Amino acid sequence: MSDYIIRAIAANDQIRAFAAVTTQTVETARQDHNTSPVATAALGRLLTAGAMMGVMMKGEKDILTLQIKADGPLKGITVTADSKGRVKGYVGNPNVCIPANSKGKLDVAKAVGKGFLNVIKDMGLKEPYSGQVSLQTGEIAEDLTYYFAASEQIPSAVGLGVLMNRDNTVRQAGGFIVQLMPFAEESTISRLEKNVQNISSVTTLLEEGHTPESLLHTVLEGFEVEIMEQTPAEFYCNCCKERVEKALMSIGRKELNEMIQEGKPIELNCHFCNTNYQFTVEELKEILRKCK
């Protein structure tokens, strides 16, 4: 099944909700970055959240960036997403390997550590919107729940999960974000709180065969749910040699001249998809000629 995100409303517009299956998206990220299981789980959770939060934005060119800056061995996570379900990201240390937690599960919280979550929304305005909160648990879903409440004043429930196979490939990945509108009635709020408390883990639900639609129907049991939109999700990086060439042009003639004088080809790496781009001395000379 291809990855996708759904957007829904429930309880006469008192609730808006998003759910996603991102198994292939997270597996592509794992392959590109050769991440360890715990790094895959952490990156996969933030990629899943980023994909859903990206489609919350409506502008064609809107870009969302999620950054976790923390003191754990993972050395931070960066994810960017657009409004079309396309997402990309990387971790500071893809090889991190730590013991399982007390429940025998991948210890994402310990890998992440203590620090901050930054949410940046570039919607083409003079200044991008930026919100920052302290990490509450490092489990990512709880941290995003806290971010929505503290920074955007939107009561939310966030569930994220990544399950690995024994060969360290991604078996399941997905999640949900359910949010209460300001005019939500007390009965709606209490019903939703009970539902969320009764939810088993996201990965358990995905293992049971749930789709984004049935995932939301489970979280929103007892409410009338209306699916509004379905968006494909994918790990997508828009880097190319031409974009890297423009970046080289921006560093200036002096630095380019120094590279040419060394007489060796150079290699530049895209952090987001781990693609390497090589430029020969002749190509560097051509780039220098294009510089004003």
C-alpha atoms as a PDB file:
ATOM      1  CA  MET A   1       0.000   0.000   0.000  1.00  0.00           C
ATOM      2  CA  SER A   2       1.361   3.412  -0.962  1.00  0.00           C
ATOM      3  CA  ASP A   3       1.788   5.965   1.810  1.00  0.00           C
ATOM      4  CA  TYR A   4      -0.885   8.616   2.197  1.00  0.00           C
ATOM      5  CA  ILE A   5      -2.400  11.150   4.603  1.00  0.00           C
ATOM      6  CA  ILE A   6      -6.065  11.847   5.216  1.00  0.00           C
ATOM      7  CA  ARG A   7      -7.679  14.995   6.597  1.00  0.00           C
ATOM      8  CA  ALA A   8     -11.034  14.697   8.328  1.00  0.00           C
ATOM      9  CA  ILE A   9     -13.519  16.585  10.470  1.00  0.00           C
ATOM     10  CA  ALA A  10     -15.771  15.180  13.179  1.00  0.00           C
ATOM     11  CA  ALA A  11     -18.419  16.165  15.731  1.00  0.00           C
ATOM     12  CA  ASN A  12     -19.924  18.919  13.557  1.00  0.00           C
ATOM     13  CA  ASP A  13     -16.548  20.558  12.896  1.00  0.00           C
ATOM     14  CA  GLN A  14     -15.566  20.561  16.586  1.00  0.00           C
ATOM     15  CA  ILE A  15     -12.660  18.236  15.758  1.00  0.00           C
ATOM     16  CA  ARG A  16     -10.180  18.246  12.916  1.00  0.00           C
ATOM     17  CA  ALA A  17      -8.005  15.200  12.415  1.00  0.00           C
ATOM     18  CA  PHE A  18      -5.165  13.841  10.319  1.00  0.00           C
ATOM     19  CA  ALA A  19      -3.842  10.309   9.975  1.00  0.00           C
ATOM     20  CA  ALA A  20      -1.070   8.802   7.880  1.00  0.00           C
ATOM     21  CA  VAL A  21       0.663   5.607   6.911  1.00  0.00           C
ATOM     22  CA  THR A  22       4.324   6.394   6.134  1.00  0.00           C
ATOM     23  CA  THR A  23       6.021   2.994   6.039  1.00  0.00           C
ATOM     24  CA  GLN A  24       7.661   3.442   2.621  1.00  0.00           C
ATOM     25  CA  THR A  25       8.539   7.072   3.365  1.00  0.00           C
ATOM     26  CA  VAL A  26      10.438   6.082   6.513  1.00  0.00           C
ATOM     27  CA  GLU A  27      12.044   3.072   4.804  1.00  0.00           C
ATOM     28  CA  THR A  28      13.334   5.351   2.030  1.00  0.00           C
ATOM     29  CA  ALA A  29      14.843   7.641   4.672  1.00  0.00           C
ATOM     30  CA  ARG A  30      16.431   4.628   6.389  1.00  0.00           C
ATOM     31  CA  GLN A  31      17.976   3.467   3.116  1.00  0.00           C
ATOM     32  CA  ASP A  32      19.241   6.926   2.147  1.00  0.00           C
ATOM     33  CA  HIS A  33      20.856   7.587   5.532  1.00  0.00           C
ATOM     34  CA  ASN A  34      21.656   3.999   6.593  1.00  0.00           C
ATOM     35  CA  THR A  35      20.201   4.763  10.020  1.00  0.00           C
ATOM     36  CA  SER A  36      20.372   2.465  13.040  1.00  0.00           C
ATOM     37  CA  PRO A  37      17.022   1.125  14.341  1.00  0.00           C
ATOM     38  CA  VAL A  38      16.647   3.757  17.093  1.00  0.00           C
ATOM     39  CA  ALA A  39      17.684   6.550  14.694  1.00  0.00           C
ATOM     40  CA  THR A  40      15.148   5.247  12.145  1.00  0.00           C
ATOM     41  CA  ALA A  41      12.412   5.243  14.804  1.00  0.00           C
ATOM     42  CA  ALA A  42      13.166   8.816  15.896  1.00  0.00           C
ATOM     43  CA  LEU A  43      13.520  10.188  12.359  1.00  0.00           C
ATOM     44  CA  GLY A  44      10.462   8.226  11.208  1.00  0.00           C
ATOM     45  CA  ARG A  45       8.267   9.686  13.926  1.00  0.00           C
ATOM     46  CA  LEU A  46       9.256  13.257  13.078  1.00  0.00           C
ATOM     47  CA  LEU A  47       8.915  12.600   9.323  1.00  0.00           C
ATOM     48  CA  THR A  48       5.386  11.277   9.907  1.00  0.00           C
ATOM     49  CA  ALA A  49       4.458  14.316  12.012  1.00  0.00           C
ATOM     50  CA  GLY A  50       6.048  16.627   9.448  1.00  0.00           C
ATOM     51  CA  ALA A  51       4.064  15.090   6.595  1.00  0.00           C
ATOM     52  CA  MET A  52       0.768  15.593   8.455  1.00  0.00           C
ATOM     53  CA  MET A  53       1.641  19.107   9.650  1.00  0.00           C
ATOM     54  CA  GLY A  54       2.759  19.986   6.115  1.00  0.00           C
ATOM     55  CA  VAL A  55      -0.672  19.276   4.662  1.00  0.00           C
ATOM     56  CA  MET A  56      -2.199  21.531   7.331  1.00  0.00           C
ATOM     57  CA  MET A  57      -0.664  24.393   5.329  1.00  0.00           C
ATOM     58  CA  LYS A  58      -2.456  25.411   2.153  1.00  0.00           C
ATOM     59  CA  GLY A  59      -0.019  27.508   0.107  1.00  0.00           C
ATOM     60  CA  GLU A  60       1.657  25.846  -2.885  1.00  0.00           C
ATOM     61  CA  LYS A  61       5.068  27.098  -1.727  1.00  0.00           C
ATOM     62  CA  ASP A  62       4.560  26.841   2.046  1.00  0.00           C
ATOM     63  CA  ILE A  63       7.376  25.007   3.819  1.00  0.00           C
ATOM     64  CA  LEU A  64       7.356  23.541   7.320  1.00  0.00           C
ATOM     65  CA  THR A  65      10.567  22.810   9.225  1.00  0.00           C
ATOM     66  CA  LEU A  66      10.702  20.756  12.430  1.00  0.00           C
ATOM     67  CA  GLN A  67      13.989  20.832  14.333  1.00  0.00           C
ATOM     68  CA  ILE A  68      14.902  18.945  17.465  1.00  0.00           C
ATOM     69  CA  LYS A  69      18.040  20.343  19.069  1.00  0.00           C
ATOM     70  CA  ALA A  70      18.976  18.205  22.041  1.00  0.00           C
ATOM     71  CA  ASP A  71      21.892  16.747  23.991  1.00  0.00           C
ATOM     72  CA  GLY A  72      21.263  13.041  23.266  1.00  0.00           C
ATOM     73  CA  PRO A  73      23.579  10.831  21.172  1.00  0.00           C
ATOM     74  CA  LEU A  74      21.276  11.265  18.159  1.00  0.00           C
ATOM     75  CA  LYS A  75      22.577  14.862  17.936  1.00  0.00           C
ATOM     76  CA  GLY A  76      19.281  16.321  16.761  1.00  0.00           C
ATOM     77  CA  ILE A  77      16.760  15.796  13.963  1.00  0.00           C
ATOM     78  CA  THR A  78      15.727  18.087  11.115  1.00  0.00           C
ATOM     79  CA  VAL A  79      12.658  17.517   8.938  1.00  0.00           C
ATOM     80  CA  THR A  80      11.076  19.715   6.270  1.00  0.00           C
ATOM     81  CA  ALA A  81       7.726  19.190   4.546  1.00  0.00           C
ATOM     82  CA  ASP A  82       5.538  20.923   1.990  1.00  0.00           C
ATOM     83  CA  SER A  83       1.754  21.119   1.655  1.00  0.00           C
ATOM     84  CA  LYS A  84       1.697  18.231  -0.852  1.00  0.00           C
ATOM     85  CA  GLY A  85       2.720  15.430   1.519  1.00  0.00           C
ATOM     86  CA  ARG A  86       6.383  15.512   0.517  1.00  0.00           C
ATOM     87  CA  VAL A  87       8.830  15.288   3.380  1.00  0.00           C
ATOM     88  CA  LYS A  88      12.571  14.884   3.920  1.00  0.00           C
ATOM     89  CA  GLY A  89      14.904  14.843   6.907  1.00  0.00           C
ATOM     90  CA  TYR A  90      18.037  13.647   8.626  1.00  0.00           C
ATOM     91  CA  VAL A  91      19.546  12.978  12.053  1.00  0.00           C
ATOM     92  CA  GLY A  92      22.851  14.281  13.386  1.00  0.00           C
ATOM     93  CA  ASN A  93      24.185  10.795  14.186  1.00  0.00           C
ATOM     94  CA  PRO A  94      22.611   8.052  12.020  1.00  0.00           C
ATOM     95  CA  ASN A  95      24.696   5.314  13.669  1.00  0.00           C
ATOM     96  CA  VAL A  96      23.529   5.825  17.265  1.00  0.00           C
ATOM     97  CA  CYS A  97      23.103   2.536  19.103  1.00  0.00           C
ATOM     98  CA  ILE A  98      21.828   2.368  22.696  1.00  0.00           C
ATOM     99  CA  PRO A  99      20.178  -0.347  24.829  1.00  0.00           C
ATOM    100  CA  ALA A 100      16.406  -0.860  24.728  1.00  0.00           C
ATOM    101  CA  ASN A 101      14.282   0.890  27.352  1.00  0.00           C
ATOM    102  CA  SER A 102      12.656  -0.782  30.372  1.00  0.00           C
ATOM    103  CA  LYS A 103       9.780  -1.985  28.163  1.00  0.00           C
ATOM    104  CA  GLY A 104      12.188  -3.659  25.752  1.00  0.00           C
ATOM    105  CA  LYS A 105      11.475  -1.093  23.039  1.00  0.00           C
ATOM    106  CA  LEU A 106      13.755   1.237  21.085  1.00  0.00           C
ATOM    107  CA  ASP A 107      14.731   4.032  23.480  1.00  0.00           C
ATOM    108  CA  VAL A 108      13.933   7.061  21.338  1.00  0.00           C
ATOM    109  CA  ALA A 109      13.695   9.358  24.375  1.00  0.00           C
ATOM    110  CA  LYS A 110      17.247   8.542  25.500  1.00  0.00           C
ATOM    111  CA  ALA A 111      18.598   8.845  21.947  1.00  0.00           C
ATOM    112  CA  VAL A 112      16.983  12.274  21.591  1.00  0.00           C
ATOM    113  CA  GLY A 113      17.875  13.600  25.050  1.00  0.00           C
ATOM    114  CA  LYS A 114      16.906  16.964  26.542  1.00  0.00           C
ATOM    115  CA  GLY A 115      16.559  20.126  24.512  1.00  0.00           C
ATOM    116  CA  PHE A 116      14.132  22.039  22.324  1.00  0.00           C
ATOM    117  CA  LEU A 117      11.640  21.549  19.500  1.00  0.00           C
ATOM    118  CA  ASN A 118      11.522  24.331  16.922  1.00  0.00           C
ATOM    119  CA  VAL A 119       8.630  24.642  14.468  1.00  0.00           C
ATOM    120  CA  ILE A 120       9.176  27.044  11.558  1.00  0.00           C
ATOM    121  CA  LYS A 121       6.472  27.769   8.970  1.00  0.00           C
ATOM    122  CA  ASP A 122       7.566  29.699   5.892  1.00  0.00           C
ATOM    123  CA  MET A 123       4.350  30.864   4.232  1.00  0.00           C
ATOM    124  CA  GLY A 124       5.838  33.492   1.938  1.00  0.00           C
ATOM    125  CA  LEU A 125       5.418  36.331   4.411  1.00  0.00           C
ATOM    126  CA  LYS A 126       8.198  38.750   5.374  1.00  0.00           C
ATOM    127  CA  GLU A 127       9.069  36.682   8.412  1.00  0.00           C
ATOM    128  CA  PRO A 128       8.395  32.954   8.864  1.00  0.00           C
ATOM    129  CA  TYR A 129       6.304  31.889  11.870  1.00  0.00           C
ATOM    130  CA  SER A 130       8.529  30.308  14.507  1.00  0.00           C
ATOM    131  CA  GLY A 131       7.616  28.535  17.736  1.00  0.00           C
ATOM    132  CA  GLN A 132       9.892  26.844  20.265  1.00  0.00           C
ATOM    133  CA  VAL A 133       9.128  24.610  23.246  1.00  0.00           C
ATOM    134  CA  SER A 134      11.253  22.542  25.605  1.00  0.00           C
ATOM    135  CA  LEU A 135      11.157  18.810  24.951  1.00  0.00           C
ATOM    136  CA  GLN A 136       8.888  17.172  27.528  1.00  0.00           C
ATOM    137  CA  THR A 137       9.823  13.510  27.090  1.00  0.00           C
ATOM    138  CA  GLY A 138      11.887  13.130  23.908  1.00  0.00           C
ATOM    139  CA  GLU A 139       9.292  10.630  22.668  1.00  0.00           C
ATOM    140  CA  ILE A 140       8.326  13.201  19.958  1.00  0.00           C
ATOM    141  CA  ALA A 141       4.538  12.599  19.936  1.00  0.00           C
ATOM    142  CA  GLU A 142       4.208  13.962  23.487  1.00  0.00           C
ATOM    143  CA  ASP A 143       6.520  16.841  22.623  1.00  0.00           C
ATOM    144  CA  LEU A 144       4.360  17.817  19.648  1.00  0.00           C
ATOM    145  CA  THR A 145       1.201  17.542  21.785  1.00  0.00           C
ATOM    146  CA  TYR A 146       2.825  20.007  24.196  1.00  0.00           C
ATOM    147  CA  TYR A 147       3.918  22.280  21.322  1.00  0.00           C
ATOM    148  CA  PHE A 148       0.380  22.556  19.926  1.00  0.00           C
ATOM    149  CA  ALA A 149      -1.032  23.420  23.364  1.00  0.00           C
ATOM    150  CA  ALA A 150       1.734  25.810  24.469  1.00  0.00           C
ATOM    151  CA  SER A 151       2.661  27.546  21.225  1.00  0.00           C
ATOM    152  CA  GLU A 152      -0.492  27.407  19.077  1.00  0.00           C
ATOM    153  CA  GLN A 153      -3.075  27.093  21.893  1.00  0.00           C
ATOM    154  CA  ILE A 154      -4.701  24.115  20.157  1.00  0.00           C
ATOM    155  CA  PRO A 155      -5.546  21.136  22.427  1.00  0.00           C
ATOM    156  CA  SER A 156      -4.272  18.129  20.473  1.00  0.00           C
ATOM    157  CA  ALA A 157      -3.586  14.428  20.685  1.00  0.00           C
ATOM    158  CA  VAL A 158      -0.607  13.168  18.691  1.00  0.00           C
ATOM    159  CA  GLY A 159       0.236   9.502  18.140  1.00  0.00           C
ATOM    160  CA  LEU A 160       3.320   8.388  16.186  1.00  0.00           C
ATOM    161  CA  GLY A 161       4.930   4.999  15.712  1.00  0.00           C
ATOM    162  CA  VAL A 162       7.668   3.155  13.822  1.00  0.00           C
ATOM    163  CA  LEU A 163       8.068  -0.624  14.029  1.00  0.00           C
ATOM    164  CA  MET A 164      11.205  -2.348  12.733  1.00  0.00           C
ATOM    165  CA  ASN A 165      11.703  -5.795  11.216  1.00  0.00           C
ATOM    166  CA  ARG A 166      14.455  -8.085  12.515  1.00  0.00           C
ATOM    167  CA  ASP A 167      16.575  -7.185   9.486  1.00  0.00           C
ATOM    168  CA  ASN A 168      16.291  -3.510  10.542  1.00  0.00           C
ATOM    169  CA  THR A 169      14.001  -2.530   7.657  1.00  0.00           C
ATOM    170  CA  VAL A 170      10.825  -0.605   8.471  1.00  0.00           C
ATOM    171  CA  ARG A 171       7.800  -2.832   9.102  1.00  0.00           C
ATOM    172  CA  GLN A 172       5.206  -0.182  10.000  1.00  0.00           C
ATOM    173  CA  ALA A 173       5.148   3.594  10.321  1.00  0.00           C
ATOM    174  CA  GLY A 174       2.324   6.073  10.733  1.00  0.00           C
ATOM    175  CA  GLY A 175       0.434   8.280  13.118  1.00  0.00           C
ATOM    176  CA  PHE A 176      -2.408  10.669  13.813  1.00  0.00           C
ATOM    177  CA  ILE A 177      -2.996  14.246  14.956  1.00  0.00           C
ATOM    178  CA  VAL A 178      -6.426  15.068  16.400  1.00  0.00           C
ATOM    179  CA  GLN A 179      -7.239  18.659  17.375  1.00  0.00           C
ATOM    180  CA  LEU A 180     -10.107  20.356  19.186  1.00  0.00           C
ATOM    181  CA  MET A 181     -11.543  23.558  17.795  1.00  0.00           C
ATOM    182  CA  PRO A 182     -12.060  26.536  20.178  1.00  0.00           C
ATOM    183  CA  PHE A 183     -15.837  26.011  20.238  1.00  0.00           C
ATOM    184  CA  ALA A 184     -15.645  22.295  21.166  1.00  0.00           C
ATOM    185  CA  GLU A 185     -18.231  21.311  23.770  1.00  0.00           C
ATOM    186  CA  GLU A 186     -17.287  19.714  27.099  1.00  0.00           C
ATOM    187  CA  SER A 187     -18.990  16.446  26.133  1.00  0.00           C
ATOM    188  CA  THR A 188     -16.888  16.283  22.946  1.00  0.00           C
ATOM    189  CA  ILE A 189     -13.697  16.991  24.883  1.00  0.00           C
ATOM    190  CA  SER A 190     -14.321  14.333  27.543  1.00  0.00           C
ATOM    191  CA  ARG A 191     -15.342  11.715  24.963  1.00  0.00           C
ATOM    192  CA  LEU A 192     -12.208  12.349  22.932  1.00  0.00           C
ATOM    193  CA  GLU A 193      -9.985  12.209  26.027  1.00  0.00           C
ATOM    194  CA  LYS A 194     -11.424   8.778  26.922  1.00  0.00           C
ATOM    195  CA  ASN A 195     -10.913   7.527  23.377  1.00  0.00           C
ATOM    196  CA  VAL A 196      -7.279   8.630  23.313  1.00  0.00           C
ATOM    197  CA  GLN A 197      -6.595   7.011  26.706  1.00  0.00           C
ATOM    198  CA  ASN A 198      -7.958   3.696  25.386  1.00  0.00           C
ATOM    199  CA  ILE A 199      -5.802   3.687  22.252  1.00  0.00           C
ATOM    200  CA  SER A 200      -3.091   1.055  22.091  1.00  0.00           C
ATOM    201  CA  SER A 201       0.124   2.088  20.355  1.00  0.00           C
ATOM    202  CA  VAL A 202       0.013   3.301  16.754  1.00  0.00           C
ATOM    203  CA  THR A 203       2.253   0.446  15.628  1.00  0.00           C
ATOM    204  CA  THR A 204      -0.065  -2.113  17.263  1.00  0.00           C
ATOM    205  CA  LEU A 205      -2.997  -0.670  15.321  1.00  0.00           C
ATOM    206  CA  LEU A 206      -1.006  -0.677  12.072  1.00  0.00           C
ATOM    207  CA  GLU A 207       0.032  -4.284  12.694  1.00  0.00           C
ATOM    208  CA  GLU A 208      -3.652  -5.121  13.034  1.00  0.00           C
ATOM    209  CA  GLY A 209      -4.103  -3.850   9.488  1.00  0.00           C
ATOM    210  CA  HIS A 210      -5.496  -0.388  10.144  1.00  0.00           C
ATOM    211  CA  THR A 211      -5.478   2.198   7.360  1.00  0.00           C
ATOM    212  CA  PRO A 212      -5.380   5.961   8.006  1.00  0.00           C
ATOM    213  CA  GLU A 213      -9.187   5.952   7.708  1.00  0.00           C
ATOM    214  CA  SER A 214      -9.767   3.153  10.214  1.00  0.00           C
ATOM    215  CA  LEU A 215      -7.079   4.615  12.474  1.00  0.00           C
ATOM    216  CA  LEU A 216      -9.094   7.827  12.712  1.00  0.00           C
ATOM    217  CA  HIS A 217     -12.376   5.971  13.164  1.00  0.00           C
ATOM    218  CA  THR A 218     -10.761   4.189  16.142  1.00  0.00           C
ATOM    219  CA  VAL A 219      -9.468   7.415  17.705  1.00  0.00           C
ATOM    220  CA  LEU A 220     -12.786   9.151  16.999  1.00  0.00           C
ATOM    221  CA  GLU A 221     -15.092   6.300  17.982  1.00  0.00           C
ATOM    222  CA  GLY A 222     -18.585   7.592  18.754  1.00  0.00           C
ATOM    223  CA  PHE A 223     -18.205  10.644  16.540  1.00  0.00           C
ATOM    224  CA  GLU A 224     -19.438  11.119  13.000  1.00  0.00           C
ATOM    225  CA  VAL A 225     -16.278  11.344  10.897  1.00  0.00           C
ATOM    226  CA  GLU A 226     -16.141  12.966   7.467  1.00  0.00           C
ATOM    227  CA  ILE A 227     -13.033  12.344   5.337  1.00  0.00           C
ATOM    228  CA  MET A 228     -12.252  15.595   3.509  1.00  0.00           C
ATOM    229  CA  GLU A 229      -9.063  14.921   1.600  1.00  0.00           C
ATOM    230  CA  GLN A 230      -6.460  12.267   0.783  1.00  0.00           C
ATOM    231  CA  THR A 231      -2.880  13.222  -0.058  1.00  0.00           C
ATOM    232  CA  PRO A 232      -0.047  10.897  -1.160  1.00  0.00           C
ATOM    233  CA  ALA A 233       2.982  10.959   1.165  1.00  0.00           C
ATOM    234  CA  GLU A 234       6.569  10.384   0.121  1.00  0.00           C
ATOM    235  CA  PHE A 235      10.182  10.999   1.077  1.00  0.00           C
ATOM    236  CA  TYR A 236      11.181  13.581  -1.509  1.00  0.00           C
ATOM    237  CA  CYS A 237      14.282  15.741  -1.841  1.00  0.00           C
ATOM    238  CA  ASN A 238      14.385  18.490  -4.457  1.00  0.00           C
ATOM    239  CA  CYS A 239      18.174  18.688  -4.564  1.00  0.00           C
ATOM    240  CA  CYS A 240      19.940  18.390  -7.938  1.00  0.00           C
ATOM    241  CA  LYS A 241      23.348  19.250  -9.351  1.00  0.00           C
ATOM    242  CA  GLU A 242      22.067  22.596 -10.668  1.00  0.00           C
ATOM    243  CA  ARG A 243      20.901  23.652  -7.174  1.00  0.00           C
ATOM    244  CA  VAL A 244      24.248  22.635  -5.674  1.00  0.00           C
ATOM    245  CA  GLU A 245      25.984  24.606  -8.435  1.00  0.00           C
ATOM    246  CA  LYS A 246      24.002  27.712  -7.409  1.00  0.00           C
ATOM    247  CA  ALA A 247      25.118  27.151  -3.829  1.00  0.00           C
ATOM    248  CA  LEU A 248      28.730  27.004  -5.008  1.00  0.00           C
ATOM    249  CA  MET A 249      28.278  30.256  -6.918  1.00  0.00           C
ATOM    250  CA  SER A 250      27.028  31.922  -3.747  1.00  0.00           C
ATOM    251  CA  ILE A 251      30.223  31.221  -1.774  1.00  0.00           C
ATOM    252  CA  GLY A 252      32.152  33.778  -3.844  1.00  0.00           C
ATOM    253  CA  ARG A 253      35.027  33.989  -6.322  1.00  0.00           C
ATOM    254  CA  LYS A 254      37.801  33.847  -3.717  1.00  0.00           C
ATOM    255  CA  GLU A 255      36.725  30.478  -2.272  1.00  0.00           C
ATOM    256  CA  LEU A 256      36.068  29.037  -5.738  1.00  0.00           C
ATOM    257  CA  ASN A 257      39.535  30.133  -6.868  1.00  0.00           C
ATOM    258  CA  GLU A 258      41.073  28.371  -3.862  1.00  0.00           C
ATOM    259  CA  MET A 259      39.240  25.139  -4.763  1.00  0.00           C
ATOM    260  CA  ILE A 260      40.452  25.386  -8.384  1.00  0.00           C
ATOM    261  CA  GLN A 261      44.047  26.039  -7.266  1.00  0.00           C
ATOM    262  CA  GLU A 262      44.019  22.775  -5.326  1.00  0.00           C
ATOM    263  CA  GLY A 263      43.582  21.029  -8.667  1.00  0.00           C
ATOM    264  CA  LYS A 264      41.258  18.308  -7.328  1.00  0.00           C
ATOM    265  CA  PRO A 265      37.567  17.575  -7.860  1.00  0.00           C
ATOM    266  CA  ILE A 266      35.312  18.397  -4.923  1.00  0.00           C
ATOM    267  CA  GLU A 267      32.337  16.473  -3.544  1.00  0.00           C
ATOM    268  CA  LEU A 268      29.352  18.061  -1.824  1.00  0.00           C
ATOM    269  CA  ASN A 269      26.719  16.149   0.144  1.00  0.00           C
ATOM    270  CA  CYS A 270      22.993  16.880   0.525  1.00  0.00           C
ATOM    271  CA  HIS A 271      22.147  16.449   4.227  1.00  0.00           C
ATOM    272  CA  PHE A 272      18.513  15.626   3.498  1.00  0.00           C
ATOM    273  CA  CYS A 273      18.896  12.678   1.110  1.00  0.00           C
ATOM    274  CA  ASN A 274      22.616  11.908   1.509  1.00  0.00           C
ATOM    275  CA  THR A 275      23.279  12.280  -2.246  1.00  0.00           C
ATOM    276  CA  ASN A 276      26.837  13.245  -3.204  1.00  0.00           C
ATOM    277  CA  TYR A 277      27.537  15.669  -6.052  1.00  0.00           C
ATOM    278  CA  GLN A 278      31.013  15.800  -7.615  1.00  0.00           C
ATOM    279  CA  PHE A 279      32.438  18.770  -9.487  1.00  0.00           C
ATOM    280  CA  THR A 280      35.598  18.499 -11.598  1.00  0.00           C
ATOM    281  CA  VAL A 281      38.167  21.302 -11.759  1.00  0.00           C
ATOM    282  CA  GLU A 282      36.833  22.190 -15.221  1.00  0.00           C
ATOM    283  CA  GLU A 283      33.284  22.432 -13.869  1.00  0.00           C
ATOM    284  CA  LEU A 284      34.518  24.656 -11.040  1.00  0.00           C
ATOM    285  CA  LYS A 285      36.205  26.935 -13.609  1.00  0.00           C
ATOM    286  CA  GLU A 286      32.897  27.138 -15.529  1.00  0.00           C
ATOM    287  CA  ILE A 287      31.044  28.032 -12.305  1.00  0.00           C
ATOM    288  CA  LEU A 288      33.659  30.728 -11.618  1.00  0.00           C
ATOM    289  CA  ARG A 289      33.062  32.191 -15.098  1.00  0.00           C
ATOM    290  CA  LYS A 290      29.336  32.437 -14.299  1.00  0.00           C
ATOM    291  CA  CYS A 291      30.022  34.329 -11.063  1.00  0.00           C
ATOM    292  CA  LYS A 292      29.511  38.054 -11.307  1.00  0.00           C
END
